[in-house]
Amino acid sequence: MTDPQKATEVSVLTRSTEPLTGIVQVNTADAEIEFEITEDIAHKICIDLERFLTDDGSRASKPPGKRRFRQRPRE
């Protein structure tokens, strides 16, 4: 896998309201890339971004397979 491109700008446009679809446009120094997304994918992106923004940093320093995740208490 090649090194990821650095995103310089991201925008989201509504394509249709029924069913809800949109276009995510990601700009890099070399290209402009567009992706069509559904409402389900939009929710997944939101969840992943929320996790990214609230991460305490403990996972970033650990290699894959060694990451520590909080366990849910058993009922």
C-alpha atoms as a PDB file:
ATOM      1  CA  MET A   1       0.000   0.000   0.000  1.00  0.00           C
ATOM      2  CA  THR A   2       1.324   3.450  -0.847  1.00  0.00           C
ATOM      3  CA  ASP A   3       1.570   6.317   1.610  1.00  0.00           C
ATOM      4  CA  PRO A   4      -1.746   8.125   2.106  1.00  0.00           C
ATOM      5  CA  GLN A   5      -2.268  11.486   0.457  1.00  0.00           C
ATOM      6  CA  LYS A   6      -2.707  14.517   2.701  1.00  0.00           C
ATOM      7  CA  ALA A   7      -6.228  15.934   2.429  1.00  0.00           C
ATOM      8  CA  THR A   8      -6.196  19.703   2.024  1.00  0.00           C
ATOM      9  CA  GLU A   9      -9.959  20.230   1.924  1.00  0.00           C
ATOM     10  CA  VAL A  10     -13.092  18.138   2.371  1.00  0.00           C
ATOM     11  CA  SER A  11     -16.663  19.063   1.465  1.00  0.00           C
ATOM     12  CA  VAL A  12     -19.981  17.220   1.536  1.00  0.00           C
ATOM     13  CA  LEU A  13     -22.865  17.978  -0.811  1.00  0.00           C
ATOM     14  CA  THR A  14     -26.402  16.569  -0.796  1.00  0.00           C
ATOM     15  CA  ARG A  15     -27.176  14.793  -4.046  1.00  0.00           C
ATOM     16  CA  SER A  16     -30.670  13.543  -3.189  1.00  0.00           C
ATOM     17  CA  THR A  17     -32.959  13.702  -0.175  1.00  0.00           C
ATOM     18  CA  GLU A  18     -35.017  10.590  -1.009  1.00  0.00           C
ATOM     19  CA  PRO A  19     -33.149   8.339  -0.621  1.00  0.00           C
ATOM     20  CA  LEU A  20     -30.522  10.439   1.150  1.00  0.00           C
ATOM     21  CA  THR A  21     -27.288  10.384  -0.841  1.00  0.00           C
ATOM     22  CA  GLY A  22     -24.407  12.784  -1.048  1.00  0.00           C
ATOM     23  CA  ILE A  23     -21.047  13.516  -2.569  1.00  0.00           C
ATOM     24  CA  VAL A  24     -17.896  13.722  -0.460  1.00  0.00           C
ATOM     25  CA  GLN A  25     -15.207  15.706  -2.247  1.00  0.00           C
ATOM     26  CA  VAL A  26     -11.627  15.349  -0.998  1.00  0.00           C
ATOM     27  CA  ASN A  27      -8.927  17.623  -2.350  1.00  0.00           C
ATOM     28  CA  THR A  28      -5.217  16.889  -2.176  1.00  0.00           C
ATOM     29  CA  ALA A  29      -2.266  18.774  -3.601  1.00  0.00           C
ATOM     30  CA  ASP A  30      -2.443  16.568  -6.706  1.00  0.00           C
ATOM     31  CA  ALA A  31      -6.082  15.623  -7.195  1.00  0.00           C
ATOM     32  CA  GLU A  32      -9.751  16.169  -6.484  1.00  0.00           C
ATOM     33  CA  ILE A  33     -11.596  12.944  -5.642  1.00  0.00           C
ATOM     34  CA  GLU A  34     -15.357  12.515  -5.309  1.00  0.00           C
ATOM     35  CA  PHE A  35     -17.212   9.679  -3.596  1.00  0.00           C
ATOM     36  CA  GLU A  36     -20.940   9.035  -3.577  1.00  0.00           C
ATOM     37  CA  ILE A  37     -22.191   8.108  -0.104  1.00  0.00           C
ATOM     38  CA  THR A  38     -25.448   6.820   1.347  1.00  0.00           C
ATOM     39  CA  GLU A  39     -27.009   7.785   4.656  1.00  0.00           C
ATOM     40  CA  ASP A  40     -25.632   4.576   6.232  1.00  0.00           C
ATOM     41  CA  ILE A  41     -22.075   5.389   5.140  1.00  0.00           C
ATOM     42  CA  ALA A  42     -22.496   8.995   6.379  1.00  0.00           C
ATOM     43  CA  HIS A  43     -23.426   7.692   9.848  1.00  0.00           C
ATOM     44  CA  LYS A  44     -20.412   5.338   9.824  1.00  0.00           C
ATOM     45  CA  ILE A  45     -18.108   8.239   8.891  1.00  0.00           C
ATOM     46  CA  CYS A  46     -19.564  10.330  11.743  1.00  0.00           C
ATOM     47  CA  ILE A  47     -18.994   7.537  14.264  1.00  0.00           C
ATOM     48  CA  ASP A  48     -15.429   6.991  13.066  1.00  0.00           C
ATOM     49  CA  LEU A  49     -14.654  10.729  13.140  1.00  0.00           C
ATOM     50  CA  GLU A  50     -16.115  11.082  16.635  1.00  0.00           C
ATOM     51  CA  ARG A  51     -13.905   8.208  17.800  1.00  0.00           C
ATOM     52  CA  PHE A  52     -10.897   9.824  16.117  1.00  0.00           C
ATOM     53  CA  LEU A  53     -11.583  13.229  17.683  1.00  0.00           C
ATOM     54  CA  THR A  54     -12.105  11.874  21.186  1.00  0.00           C
ATOM     55  CA  ASP A  55      -9.293   9.280  21.195  1.00  0.00           C
ATOM     56  CA  ASP A  56      -6.915   9.837  24.101  1.00  0.00           C
ATOM     57  CA  GLY A  57      -3.923   8.960  21.932  1.00  0.00           C
ATOM     58  CA  SER A  58      -3.220   5.630  23.614  1.00  0.00           C
ATOM     59  CA  ARG A  59      -4.112   3.665  20.488  1.00  0.00           C
ATOM     60  CA  ALA A  60      -2.025   5.740  18.065  1.00  0.00           C
ATOM     61  CA  SER A  61       1.263   4.752  19.678  1.00  0.00           C
ATOM     62  CA  LYS A  62       0.533   1.025  19.703  1.00  0.00           C
ATOM     63  CA  PRO A  63       1.062  -1.156  16.629  1.00  0.00           C
ATOM     64  CA  PRO A  64      -1.972  -2.978  15.166  1.00  0.00           C
ATOM     65  CA  GLY A  65      -2.916  -5.969  17.277  1.00  0.00           C
ATOM     66  CA  LYS A  66      -1.550  -4.323  20.444  1.00  0.00           C
ATOM     67  CA  ARG A  67      -4.196  -1.645  20.822  1.00  0.00           C
ATOM     68  CA  ARG A  68      -6.042  -1.387  24.115  1.00  0.00           C
ATOM     69  CA  PHE A  69      -9.811  -1.055  23.922  1.00  0.00           C
ATOM     70  CA  ARG A  70     -12.161  -0.475  26.807  1.00  0.00           C
ATOM     71  CA  GLN A  71     -14.195  -3.499  27.720  1.00  0.00           C
ATOM     72  CA  ARG A  72     -17.860  -3.163  28.401  1.00  0.00           C
ATOM     73  CA  PRO A  73     -18.937  -4.306  31.865  1.00  0.00           C
ATOM     74  CA  ARG A  74     -20.772  -7.609  31.931  1.00  0.00           C
ATOM     75  CA  GLU A  75     -24.386  -7.576  32.957  1.00  0.00           C
END
